[in-house]
Amino acid sequence: MKAMIFAAGLGTRLKPYTETMPKALVPVAGVPMLEILINHLLKNGINEILINVHHFAGQVIRFLKQNNNFGANITISNEEDLLLDTGGGLKKASWFFKDQQPFLVQNVDVISDLNYKKMLDFHNSNKALATLAVSDRVTSRYFLLDDQMLVCGWENTKTGETRMARADSQNLARFAFSGIHIIDPAIFNLINNEGKFSIVDTYLELASSNKITGFAHNPENWVDMGKPDELQKAESILKKLNIE
């Protein structure tokens, strides 16, 4: 399975660190986030990796070159001219996934003990267009899933905004998105947006007539390393999971 790492973001939540470096190179327990994730993917048998870059892109490219890509086969998708957001960044990288096999997408600031193989098996058995790692944890934005784990809508509890993809769905439960996806390349034939756009918007547009599913995992061994107050928690989880 190939993988894409979303590493192009501005990292505004991690200021002041990201005023002089990209989010991907912010260290956790002394190790840059990008290095942590690449090594984690390699340990899980994934060595064909595409990384998108924008903010301090040159630093990321030099870092990878200096470390011989950590032994992985790495391709850069350069968004220096225009930051494309998650949907636009994914579409720009579509050429990398021409083998027609499901592929993994993960945010550079996310780490967990999620079992990629089990998630891929779940994705394939459901013949899903996309499968999103989700968990039962407190946040402000949720995907709304039915009892078959189909994405039926989205809700922002802070603003009160609700967006439904399957209007007649019932018995919906809130799940927080974990920043990890498995996607079928068939999605690229269905994306009509151009330029900068969110993959969440795309999922909601496609969920009415396509299978966008949720894969539930343990939130205890998951961390968003994109916030300064979460970096200490990230260190303890990395040690607990023996990820470095």
Protein backbone atom coordinates (compact mmCIF):
# COMPACT_ATOMS: atom_id res chain seq x y z
CA MET A 1 0.00 0.00 0.00
CA LYS A 2 1.24 3.47 -0.90
CA ALA A 3 0.82 6.44 1.43
CA MET A 4 0.48 10.21 1.30
CA ILE A 5 1.54 12.41 4.21
CA PHE A 6 -0.20 15.77 4.52
CA ALA A 7 2.70 18.00 5.57
CA ALA A 8 2.00 21.25 3.72
CA GLY A 9 -0.01 23.07 6.40
CA LEU A 10 1.02 26.37 7.98
CA GLY A 11 1.02 24.90 11.47
CA THR A 12 -0.67 27.94 13.00
CA ARG A 13 -1.64 25.98 16.11
CA LEU A 14 2.04 25.29 16.79
CA LYS A 15 3.28 28.85 16.87
CA PRO A 16 5.86 30.05 17.83
CA TYR A 17 7.63 26.84 16.66
CA THR A 18 6.32 27.20 13.12
CA GLU A 19 7.49 30.78 12.71
CA THR A 20 10.93 29.42 11.82
CA MET A 21 10.27 25.84 10.69
CA PRO A 22 7.53 23.73 9.08
CA LYS A 23 5.18 21.79 11.31
CA ALA A 24 6.60 18.56 9.92
CA LEU A 25 10.00 19.28 11.48
CA VAL A 26 8.79 20.31 14.94
CA PRO A 27 10.45 17.81 17.31
CA VAL A 28 8.59 15.51 19.66
CA ALA A 29 10.90 13.91 22.24
CA GLY A 30 13.74 15.30 20.14
CA VAL A 31 12.59 13.71 16.88
CA PRO A 32 10.86 15.63 14.04
CA MET A 33 7.23 14.62 13.48
CA LEU A 34 7.92 13.71 9.87
CA GLU A 35 10.70 11.33 10.83
CA ILE A 36 8.47 9.69 13.43
CA LEU A 37 5.70 9.07 10.91
CA ILE A 38 7.97 7.88 8.09
CA ASN A 39 9.62 5.34 10.40
CA HIS A 40 6.20 4.24 11.66
CA LEU A 41 5.00 3.67 8.09
CA LEU A 42 8.16 1.74 7.25
CA LYS A 43 7.65 -0.52 10.29
CA ASN A 44 4.19 -1.25 8.90
CA GLY A 45 5.54 -2.26 5.51
CA ILE A 46 4.73 1.00 3.70
CA ASN A 47 7.70 2.45 1.83
CA GLU A 48 6.17 4.22 -1.21
CA ILE A 49 5.36 7.63 0.24
CA LEU A 50 4.32 10.96 -1.25
CA ILE A 51 4.65 14.08 0.91
CA ASN A 52 3.09 17.43 0.08
CA VAL A 53 4.98 20.57 1.14
CA HIS A 54 4.34 24.33 1.24
CA HIS A 55 5.36 26.13 4.47
CA PHE A 56 9.20 26.20 4.60
CA ALA A 57 9.13 23.54 1.89
CA GLY A 58 12.88 23.80 1.30
CA GLN A 59 13.59 22.78 4.89
CA VAL A 60 11.55 19.60 4.48
CA ILE A 61 13.22 18.72 1.18
CA ARG A 62 16.72 19.28 2.61
CA PHE A 63 15.88 17.29 5.74
CA LEU A 64 14.81 14.29 3.69
CA LYS A 65 17.83 14.51 1.42
CA GLN A 66 20.24 14.75 4.37
CA ASN A 67 18.70 11.59 5.84
CA ASN A 68 18.50 9.64 2.56
CA ASN A 69 14.71 9.58 2.90
CA PHE A 70 15.14 7.23 5.89
CA GLY A 71 15.33 4.37 3.41
CA ALA A 72 11.87 5.02 1.98
CA ASN A 73 10.94 5.77 -1.62
CA ILE A 74 9.74 9.33 -1.19
CA THR A 75 8.19 11.67 -3.73
CA ILE A 76 7.50 15.36 -3.09
CA SER A 77 4.30 17.12 -4.18
CA ASN A 78 5.30 20.78 -4.10
CA GLU A 79 2.60 23.32 -3.24
CA GLU A 80 4.90 26.29 -2.68
CA ASP A 81 2.99 28.39 -5.23
CA LEU A 82 -0.41 27.72 -3.66
CA LEU A 83 -1.42 25.83 -0.53
CA LEU A 84 -4.19 23.56 -1.80
CA ASP A 85 -5.77 22.36 1.46
CA THR A 86 -6.42 18.65 1.97
CA GLY A 87 -8.73 18.08 -0.99
CA GLY A 88 -6.72 20.08 -3.48
CA GLY A 89 -3.49 18.55 -2.23
CA LEU A 90 -4.89 15.07 -2.65
CA LYS A 91 -6.12 15.79 -6.17
CA LYS A 92 -2.74 17.21 -7.20
CA ALA A 93 -1.17 13.94 -6.09
CA SER A 94 -3.60 11.72 -8.01
CA TRP A 95 -0.96 10.72 -10.56
CA PHE A 96 0.97 8.92 -7.79
CA PHE A 97 -1.85 6.42 -7.27
CA LYS A 98 -2.33 5.16 -10.82
CA ASP A 99 -1.90 1.53 -9.71
CA GLN A 100 -5.61 1.53 -8.77
CA GLN A 101 -4.88 0.16 -5.30
CA PRO A 102 -6.30 1.67 -2.10
CA PHE A 103 -3.83 4.00 -0.44
CA LEU A 104 -3.26 5.51 3.00
CA VAL A 105 -3.40 9.23 3.80
CA GLN A 106 -2.23 10.54 7.18
CA ASN A 107 -1.64 13.96 8.69
CA VAL A 108 2.00 14.50 9.66
CA ASP A 109 0.99 15.59 13.16
CA VAL A 110 -1.00 12.44 13.96
CA ILE A 111 0.32 9.22 15.43
CA SER A 112 -1.46 6.17 16.82
CA ASP A 113 -1.31 2.42 17.19
CA LEU A 114 -4.10 2.01 14.66
CA ASN A 115 -3.74 -1.28 12.77
CA TYR A 116 -3.44 -0.30 9.11
CA LYS A 117 -3.98 -3.87 7.91
CA LYS A 118 -7.25 -4.23 9.82
CA MET A 119 -8.39 -0.85 8.51
CA LEU A 120 -7.52 -1.89 4.94
CA ASP A 121 -9.38 -5.20 5.36
CA PHE A 122 -12.40 -3.28 6.67
CA HIS A 123 -12.19 -0.88 3.73
CA ASN A 124 -12.00 -3.70 1.18
CA SER A 125 -14.74 -5.80 2.76
CA ASN A 126 -17.10 -2.82 2.65
CA LYS A 127 -16.07 -1.94 -0.92
CA ALA A 128 -15.82 1.64 0.30
CA LEU A 129 -14.74 4.64 -1.71
CA ALA A 130 -13.00 5.97 1.39
CA THR A 131 -12.61 4.79 4.97
CA LEU A 132 -11.93 7.31 7.72
CA ALA A 133 -10.34 6.43 11.05
CA VAL A 134 -12.66 7.74 13.75
CA SER A 135 -12.98 7.48 17.51
CA ASP A 136 -15.31 8.28 20.37
CA ARG A 137 -13.57 11.33 21.83
CA VAL A 138 -14.52 14.89 22.64
CA THR A 139 -13.93 17.54 19.99
CA SER A 140 -15.98 20.29 18.33
CA ARG A 141 -16.38 18.77 14.87
CA TYR A 142 -17.84 15.33 14.25
CA PHE A 143 -18.77 13.03 11.41
CA LEU A 144 -22.25 11.59 11.89
CA LEU A 145 -22.31 7.83 11.28
CA ASP A 146 -25.17 5.36 11.18
CA ASP A 147 -25.15 1.86 12.69
CA GLN A 148 -23.46 0.52 9.52
CA MET A 149 -20.62 3.02 10.04
CA LEU A 150 -21.61 4.97 6.93
CA VAL A 151 -20.83 8.69 6.93
CA CYS A 152 -24.20 10.45 6.79
CA GLY A 153 -23.29 13.98 7.83
CA TRP A 154 -21.08 16.36 9.75
CA GLU A 155 -21.61 18.62 12.74
CA ASN A 156 -19.80 21.52 14.38
CA THR A 157 -20.97 21.72 17.98
CA LYS A 158 -19.37 25.15 18.51
CA THR A 159 -21.19 26.88 15.67
CA GLY A 160 -24.27 24.65 15.53
CA GLU A 161 -23.68 23.94 11.84
CA THR A 162 -24.92 20.58 10.58
CA ARG A 163 -24.45 19.24 7.07
CA MET A 164 -26.29 16.10 6.00
CA ALA A 165 -25.25 13.81 3.14
CA ARG A 166 -27.91 11.15 3.76
CA ALA A 167 -31.00 13.08 4.81
CA ASP A 168 -33.13 10.06 5.77
CA SER A 169 -30.52 8.39 7.96
CA GLN A 170 -31.40 7.53 11.55
CA ASN A 171 -29.74 6.52 14.83
CA LEU A 172 -26.67 8.60 14.09
CA ALA A 173 -23.66 8.70 16.38
CA ARG A 174 -20.95 11.33 16.62
CA PHE A 175 -17.39 10.27 15.86
CA ALA A 176 -14.26 12.41 15.80
CA PHE A 177 -12.08 12.13 12.69
CA SER A 178 -8.52 11.02 13.43
CA GLY A 179 -6.70 12.37 10.38
CA ILE A 180 -6.08 8.93 8.85
CA HIS A 181 -7.84 7.73 5.68
CA ILE A 182 -7.74 4.80 3.27
CA ILE A 183 -8.96 5.86 -0.16
CA ASP A 184 -9.78 4.10 -3.41
CA PRO A 185 -8.22 5.89 -6.42
CA ALA A 186 -11.67 5.78 -8.06
CA ILE A 187 -12.38 8.90 -6.01
CA PHE A 188 -10.34 11.00 -8.43
CA ASN A 189 -12.90 10.42 -11.18
CA LEU A 190 -15.59 11.83 -8.90
CA ILE A 191 -13.88 14.99 -7.66
CA ASN A 192 -15.03 18.00 -9.66
CA ASN A 193 -13.46 20.71 -7.51
CA GLU A 194 -10.37 22.57 -8.66
CA GLY A 195 -7.66 24.45 -6.82
CA LYS A 196 -7.92 24.77 -3.06
CA PHE A 197 -10.63 22.77 -1.25
CA SER A 198 -11.18 20.53 1.77
CA ILE A 199 -11.34 16.75 1.58
CA VAL A 200 -14.06 16.84 4.25
CA ASP A 201 -16.26 18.83 1.86
CA THR A 202 -15.55 16.26 -0.83
CA TYR A 203 -16.49 13.37 1.44
CA LEU A 204 -19.77 15.03 2.34
CA GLU A 205 -20.55 15.68 -1.32
CA LEU A 206 -19.83 12.07 -2.29
CA ALA A 207 -21.33 10.31 0.75
CA SER A 208 -24.92 10.62 -0.52
CA SER A 209 -24.29 8.14 -3.33
CA ASN A 210 -21.00 6.47 -2.39
CA LYS A 211 -19.77 4.44 0.55
CA ILE A 212 -17.71 6.66 2.83
CA THR A 213 -17.22 4.58 5.96
CA GLY A 214 -15.80 5.08 9.43
CA PHE A 215 -13.32 2.72 11.07
CA ALA A 216 -13.43 3.01 14.85
CA HIS A 217 -10.22 2.75 16.83
CA ASN A 218 -8.99 3.27 20.38
CA PRO A 219 -8.59 7.02 21.09
CA GLU A 220 -6.31 6.37 24.08
CA ASN A 221 -3.33 5.55 21.88
CA TRP A 222 -3.85 8.39 19.42
CA VAL A 223 -2.49 11.91 19.63
CA ASP A 224 -2.68 15.10 17.60
CA MET A 225 0.82 16.52 17.84
CA GLY A 226 -0.29 19.77 16.20
CA LYS A 227 -0.89 21.67 19.46
CA PRO A 228 1.82 22.83 21.90
CA ASP A 229 -0.09 21.52 24.91
CA GLU A 230 -0.31 18.08 23.29
CA LEU A 231 3.42 17.66 22.71
CA GLN A 232 4.04 16.30 26.23
CA LYS A 233 1.18 13.82 25.81
CA ALA A 234 2.65 12.85 22.45
CA GLU A 235 6.00 12.07 24.10
CA SER A 236 4.38 9.71 26.60
CA ILE A 237 2.34 7.95 23.93
CA LEU A 238 5.35 7.50 21.66
CA LYS A 239 7.23 5.92 24.54
CA LYS A 240 4.23 3.74 25.42
CA LEU A 241 3.88 2.54 21.83
CA ASN A 242 7.64 2.25 21.32
CA ILE A 243 7.36 4.56 18.32
CA GLU A 244 10.37 6.78 17.63
